[in-house]
């Protein structure tokens, strides 16, 4: 599963983790052997996205960056506010649900405008969903304070 970092915008020394998932993110950037642990946790954790609920699921906001369509995904409210400001309306969803809701051919960009960010190509998203099994345990608590695991407005 290709999980090499695509882009690093800054150094991890300027990135103050807001939750355990972000602590794992720093470890994954510093130590390649920690990336599978981070990816498993990311799929289980509560993430934030810009979008809105629909009658059939969710509609995720997309941006075009360098000719590619991307959906910004955030590991904490701090990262979302760095991108969209303090009034950014968002949905809290389990990571696996975020990736399942993505349209074909669209990348996920984790923490854009953050010192540590990473693009997951459509192929990497598919590989994550296919190669990281769902945990048999109940859904874990979201990483963000006040976030719900699936399609709750924040």
C-alpha atoms as a PDB file:
ATOM      1  CA  UNK A   1       0.000   0.000   0.000  1.00  0.00           C
ATOM      2  CA  UNK A   2       1.683   3.244  -1.110  1.00  0.00           C
ATOM      3  CA  UNK A   3       1.727   5.547   1.883  1.00  0.00           C
ATOM      4  CA  UNK A   4       4.740   7.732   1.228  1.00  0.00           C
ATOM      5  CA  UNK A   5       4.121  11.344   2.059  1.00  0.00           C
ATOM      6  CA  UNK A   6       3.136  13.440  -0.921  1.00  0.00           C
ATOM      7  CA  UNK A   7       3.571  16.944   0.417  1.00  0.00           C
ATOM      8  CA  UNK A   8       4.831  18.349   3.666  1.00  0.00           C
ATOM      9  CA  UNK A   9       4.109  22.012   4.158  1.00  0.00           C
ATOM     10  CA  UNK A  10       6.477  23.027   6.902  1.00  0.00           C
ATOM     11  CA  UNK A  11       8.130  21.121   9.701  1.00  0.00           C
ATOM     12  CA  UNK A  12       6.525  19.016  12.391  1.00  0.00           C
ATOM     13  CA  UNK A  13       8.088  21.326  15.030  1.00  0.00           C
ATOM     14  CA  UNK A  14       5.452  23.941  14.127  1.00  0.00           C
ATOM     15  CA  UNK A  15       2.629  21.433  14.366  1.00  0.00           C
ATOM     16  CA  UNK A  16       1.208  21.167  17.878  1.00  0.00           C
ATOM     17  CA  UNK A  17      -0.977  18.037  18.038  1.00  0.00           C
ATOM     18  CA  UNK A  18      -4.535  18.642  19.201  1.00  0.00           C
ATOM     19  CA  UNK A  19      -5.413  14.986  19.811  1.00  0.00           C
ATOM     20  CA  UNK A  20      -3.981  11.431  19.785  1.00  0.00           C
ATOM     21  CA  UNK A  21      -4.584  11.049  16.033  1.00  0.00           C
ATOM     22  CA  UNK A  22      -2.401  14.090  15.351  1.00  0.00           C
ATOM     23  CA  UNK A  23       0.294  12.651  17.610  1.00  0.00           C
ATOM     24  CA  UNK A  24       0.245   9.540  15.411  1.00  0.00           C
ATOM     25  CA  UNK A  25       0.345  11.758  12.308  1.00  0.00           C
ATOM     26  CA  UNK A  26       3.600  13.330  13.503  1.00  0.00           C
ATOM     27  CA  UNK A  27       5.037   9.876  14.195  1.00  0.00           C
ATOM     28  CA  UNK A  28       4.002   8.730  10.710  1.00  0.00           C
ATOM     29  CA  UNK A  29       5.798  11.676   9.106  1.00  0.00           C
ATOM     30  CA  UNK A  30       8.934  11.080  11.131  1.00  0.00           C
ATOM     31  CA  UNK A  31       8.994   7.275  11.001  1.00  0.00           C
ATOM     32  CA  UNK A  32       7.750   5.375   7.916  1.00  0.00           C
ATOM     33  CA  UNK A  33       7.131   2.250  10.006  1.00  0.00           C
ATOM     34  CA  UNK A  34       4.441   4.175  11.945  1.00  0.00           C
ATOM     35  CA  UNK A  35       2.366   4.935   8.825  1.00  0.00           C
ATOM     36  CA  UNK A  36       0.241   1.766   8.873  1.00  0.00           C
ATOM     37  CA  UNK A  37      -0.721   2.430  12.512  1.00  0.00           C
ATOM     38  CA  UNK A  38      -1.692   6.003  11.636  1.00  0.00           C
ATOM     39  CA  UNK A  39      -3.748   4.885   8.628  1.00  0.00           C
ATOM     40  CA  UNK A  40      -5.672   2.308  10.680  1.00  0.00           C
ATOM     41  CA  UNK A  41      -6.392   4.896  13.365  1.00  0.00           C
ATOM     42  CA  UNK A  42      -7.380   7.533  10.789  1.00  0.00           C
ATOM     43  CA  UNK A  43     -10.004   5.186   9.327  1.00  0.00           C
ATOM     44  CA  UNK A  44     -11.412   4.544  12.816  1.00  0.00           C
ATOM     45  CA  UNK A  45     -11.269   8.132  14.068  1.00  0.00           C
ATOM     46  CA  UNK A  46     -13.607  11.064  13.820  1.00  0.00           C
ATOM     47  CA  UNK A  47     -12.516  13.435  11.041  1.00  0.00           C
ATOM     48  CA  UNK A  48     -13.953  16.746   9.895  1.00  0.00           C
ATOM     49  CA  UNK A  49     -14.978  17.632   6.343  1.00  0.00           C
ATOM     50  CA  UNK A  50     -16.661  20.594   4.708  1.00  0.00           C
ATOM     51  CA  UNK A  51     -20.020  19.525   3.379  1.00  0.00           C
ATOM     52  CA  UNK A  52     -23.636  18.944   4.172  1.00  0.00           C
ATOM     53  CA  UNK A  53     -25.948  16.024   4.791  1.00  0.00           C
ATOM     54  CA  UNK A  54     -28.270  14.986   1.973  1.00  0.00           C
ATOM     55  CA  UNK A  55     -31.268  12.678   1.864  1.00  0.00           C
ATOM     56  CA  UNK A  56     -29.053   9.877   0.543  1.00  0.00           C
ATOM     57  CA  UNK A  57     -25.809  10.535   2.463  1.00  0.00           C
ATOM     58  CA  UNK A  58     -23.467  13.509   2.374  1.00  0.00           C
ATOM     59  CA  UNK A  59     -22.233  16.064  -0.127  1.00  0.00           C
ATOM     60  CA  UNK A  60     -18.532  16.831   0.366  1.00  0.00           C
ATOM     61  CA  UNK A  61     -17.095  20.151  -0.854  1.00  0.00           C
ATOM     62  CA  UNK A  62     -14.395  19.799  -3.481  1.00  0.00           C
ATOM     63  CA  UNK A  63     -11.614  22.091  -4.643  1.00  0.00           C
ATOM     64  CA  UNK A  64      -9.519  21.981  -7.771  1.00  0.00           C
ATOM     65  CA  UNK A  65      -5.799  22.131  -7.046  1.00  0.00           C
ATOM     66  CA  UNK A  66      -3.321  21.882  -9.894  1.00  0.00           C
ATOM     67  CA  UNK A  67      -6.020  20.474 -12.164  1.00  0.00           C
ATOM     68  CA  UNK A  68      -6.949  17.743  -9.652  1.00  0.00           C
ATOM     69  CA  UNK A  69     -10.135  17.562  -7.622  1.00  0.00           C
ATOM     70  CA  UNK A  70      -9.529  17.243  -3.878  1.00  0.00           C
ATOM     71  CA  UNK A  71     -11.661  17.044  -0.762  1.00  0.00           C
ATOM     72  CA  UNK A  72     -10.106  18.677   2.309  1.00  0.00           C
ATOM     73  CA  UNK A  73     -10.174  16.412   5.370  1.00  0.00           C
ATOM     74  CA  UNK A  74      -9.147  17.530   8.861  1.00  0.00           C
ATOM     75  CA  UNK A  75      -7.869  15.739  11.948  1.00  0.00           C
ATOM     76  CA  UNK A  76      -9.082  18.431  14.369  1.00  0.00           C
ATOM     77  CA  UNK A  77     -11.108  21.606  14.612  1.00  0.00           C
ATOM     78  CA  UNK A  78      -7.806  23.540  14.803  1.00  0.00           C
ATOM     79  CA  UNK A  79      -6.765  22.253  11.357  1.00  0.00           C
ATOM     80  CA  UNK A  80     -10.183  23.023   9.896  1.00  0.00           C
ATOM     81  CA  UNK A  81     -10.075  26.574  11.275  1.00  0.00           C
ATOM     82  CA  UNK A  82      -6.599  27.091   9.802  1.00  0.00           C
ATOM     83  CA  UNK A  83      -8.174  26.313   6.429  1.00  0.00           C
ATOM     84  CA  UNK A  84     -11.725  27.688   6.599  1.00  0.00           C
ATOM     85  CA  UNK A  85     -11.710  30.102   9.532  1.00  0.00           C
ATOM     86  CA  UNK A  86     -13.542  29.829  12.844  1.00  0.00           C
ATOM     87  CA  UNK A  87     -17.000  29.835  11.265  1.00  0.00           C
ATOM     88  CA  UNK A  88     -16.360  26.956   8.883  1.00  0.00           C
ATOM     89  CA  UNK A  89     -19.414  24.686   8.883  1.00  0.00           C
ATOM     90  CA  UNK A  90     -18.399  21.063   8.860  1.00  0.00           C
ATOM     91  CA  UNK A  91     -19.466  17.485   9.246  1.00  0.00           C
ATOM     92  CA  UNK A  92     -17.861  15.058  11.666  1.00  0.00           C
ATOM     93  CA  UNK A  93     -17.540  11.576  10.196  1.00  0.00           C
ATOM     94  CA  UNK A  94     -15.611   8.405  10.847  1.00  0.00           C
ATOM     95  CA  UNK A  95     -12.557   8.308   8.571  1.00  0.00           C
ATOM     96  CA  UNK A  96     -13.682   5.178   6.747  1.00  0.00           C
ATOM     97  CA  UNK A  97     -17.048   6.821   6.066  1.00  0.00           C
ATOM     98  CA  UNK A  98     -15.325   9.923   4.670  1.00  0.00           C
ATOM     99  CA  UNK A  99     -13.303   7.850   2.212  1.00  0.00           C
ATOM    100  CA  UNK A 100     -16.330   5.756   1.213  1.00  0.00           C
ATOM    101  CA  UNK A 101     -18.324   8.938   0.511  1.00  0.00           C
ATOM    102  CA  UNK A 102     -15.689  10.349  -1.848  1.00  0.00           C
ATOM    103  CA  UNK A 103     -16.599  10.444  -5.536  1.00  0.00           C
ATOM    104  CA  UNK A 104     -14.442   8.356  -7.881  1.00  0.00           C
ATOM    105  CA  UNK A 105     -11.335  10.116  -9.174  1.00  0.00           C
ATOM    106  CA  UNK A 106     -11.161  12.620  -6.303  1.00  0.00           C
ATOM    107  CA  UNK A 107      -8.213  12.853  -3.890  1.00  0.00           C
ATOM    108  CA  UNK A 108      -8.435  13.457  -0.151  1.00  0.00           C
ATOM    109  CA  UNK A 109      -6.128  16.151   1.184  1.00  0.00           C
ATOM    110  CA  UNK A 110      -5.454  15.702   4.883  1.00  0.00           C
ATOM    111  CA  UNK A 111      -4.989  18.993   6.758  1.00  0.00           C
ATOM    112  CA  UNK A 112      -4.439  21.479   3.901  1.00  0.00           C
ATOM    113  CA  UNK A 113      -2.702  24.719   4.949  1.00  0.00           C
ATOM    114  CA  UNK A 114      -1.295  22.891   7.945  1.00  0.00           C
ATOM    115  CA  UNK A 115       2.407  22.367   8.672  1.00  0.00           C
ATOM    116  CA  UNK A 116       1.826  18.654   8.096  1.00  0.00           C
ATOM    117  CA  UNK A 117      -0.533  17.779   5.281  1.00  0.00           C
ATOM    118  CA  UNK A 118      -0.789  14.892   2.884  1.00  0.00           C
ATOM    119  CA  UNK A 119      -2.687  14.081  -0.269  1.00  0.00           C
ATOM    120  CA  UNK A 120      -4.232  10.642  -0.664  1.00  0.00           C
ATOM    121  CA  UNK A 121      -4.790   9.896  -4.357  1.00  0.00           C
ATOM    122  CA  UNK A 122      -7.935   8.057  -5.454  1.00  0.00           C
ATOM    123  CA  UNK A 123      -5.814   4.907  -5.801  1.00  0.00           C
ATOM    124  CA  UNK A 124      -4.479   5.285  -2.254  1.00  0.00           C
ATOM    125  CA  UNK A 125      -7.996   5.854  -0.905  1.00  0.00           C
ATOM    126  CA  UNK A 126      -9.137   2.638  -2.607  1.00  0.00           C
ATOM    127  CA  UNK A 127      -6.087   0.769  -1.256  1.00  0.00           C
ATOM    128  CA  UNK A 128      -6.747   1.989   2.280  1.00  0.00           C
ATOM    129  CA  UNK A 129     -10.367   0.865   2.153  1.00  0.00           C
ATOM    130  CA  UNK A 130      -9.418  -2.494   0.636  1.00  0.00           C
ATOM    131  CA  UNK A 131      -6.329  -3.280   2.728  1.00  0.00           C
ATOM    132  CA  UNK A 132      -7.169  -1.959   6.186  1.00  0.00           C
ATOM    133  CA  UNK A 133      -9.834  -4.233   7.639  1.00  0.00           C
ATOM    134  CA  UNK A 134     -12.660  -2.857   9.655  1.00  0.00           C
ATOM    135  CA  UNK A 135     -12.222  -3.427  13.348  1.00  0.00           C
ATOM    136  CA  UNK A 136     -14.768  -5.836  14.860  1.00  0.00           C
ATOM    137  CA  UNK A 137     -15.085  -3.601  17.928  1.00  0.00           C
ATOM    138  CA  UNK A 138     -17.672  -0.816  18.223  1.00  0.00           C
ATOM    139  CA  UNK A 139     -16.796   2.497  16.611  1.00  0.00           C
ATOM    140  CA  UNK A 140     -14.284   4.424  18.727  1.00  0.00           C
ATOM    141  CA  UNK A 141     -14.990   7.835  20.136  1.00  0.00           C
ATOM    142  CA  UNK A 142     -14.221  10.697  17.720  1.00  0.00           C
ATOM    143  CA  UNK A 143     -10.869  12.411  18.146  1.00  0.00           C
ATOM    144  CA  UNK A 144     -12.412  15.885  18.222  1.00  0.00           C
ATOM    145  CA  UNK A 145     -14.273  17.275  21.163  1.00  0.00           C
ATOM    146  CA  UNK A 146     -17.974  17.381  20.381  1.00  0.00           C
ATOM    147  CA  UNK A 147     -17.662  15.499  17.075  1.00  0.00           C
ATOM    148  CA  UNK A 148     -19.923  12.604  16.214  1.00  0.00           C
ATOM    149  CA  UNK A 149     -18.746   9.625  14.173  1.00  0.00           C
ATOM    150  CA  UNK A 150     -21.001  10.019  11.131  1.00  0.00           C
ATOM    151  CA  UNK A 151     -22.472  12.964   9.273  1.00  0.00           C
ATOM    152  CA  UNK A 152     -23.202  15.260  12.166  1.00  0.00           C
ATOM    153  CA  UNK A 153     -22.947  18.976  11.587  1.00  0.00           C
ATOM    154  CA  UNK A 154     -20.276  20.729  13.606  1.00  0.00           C
END
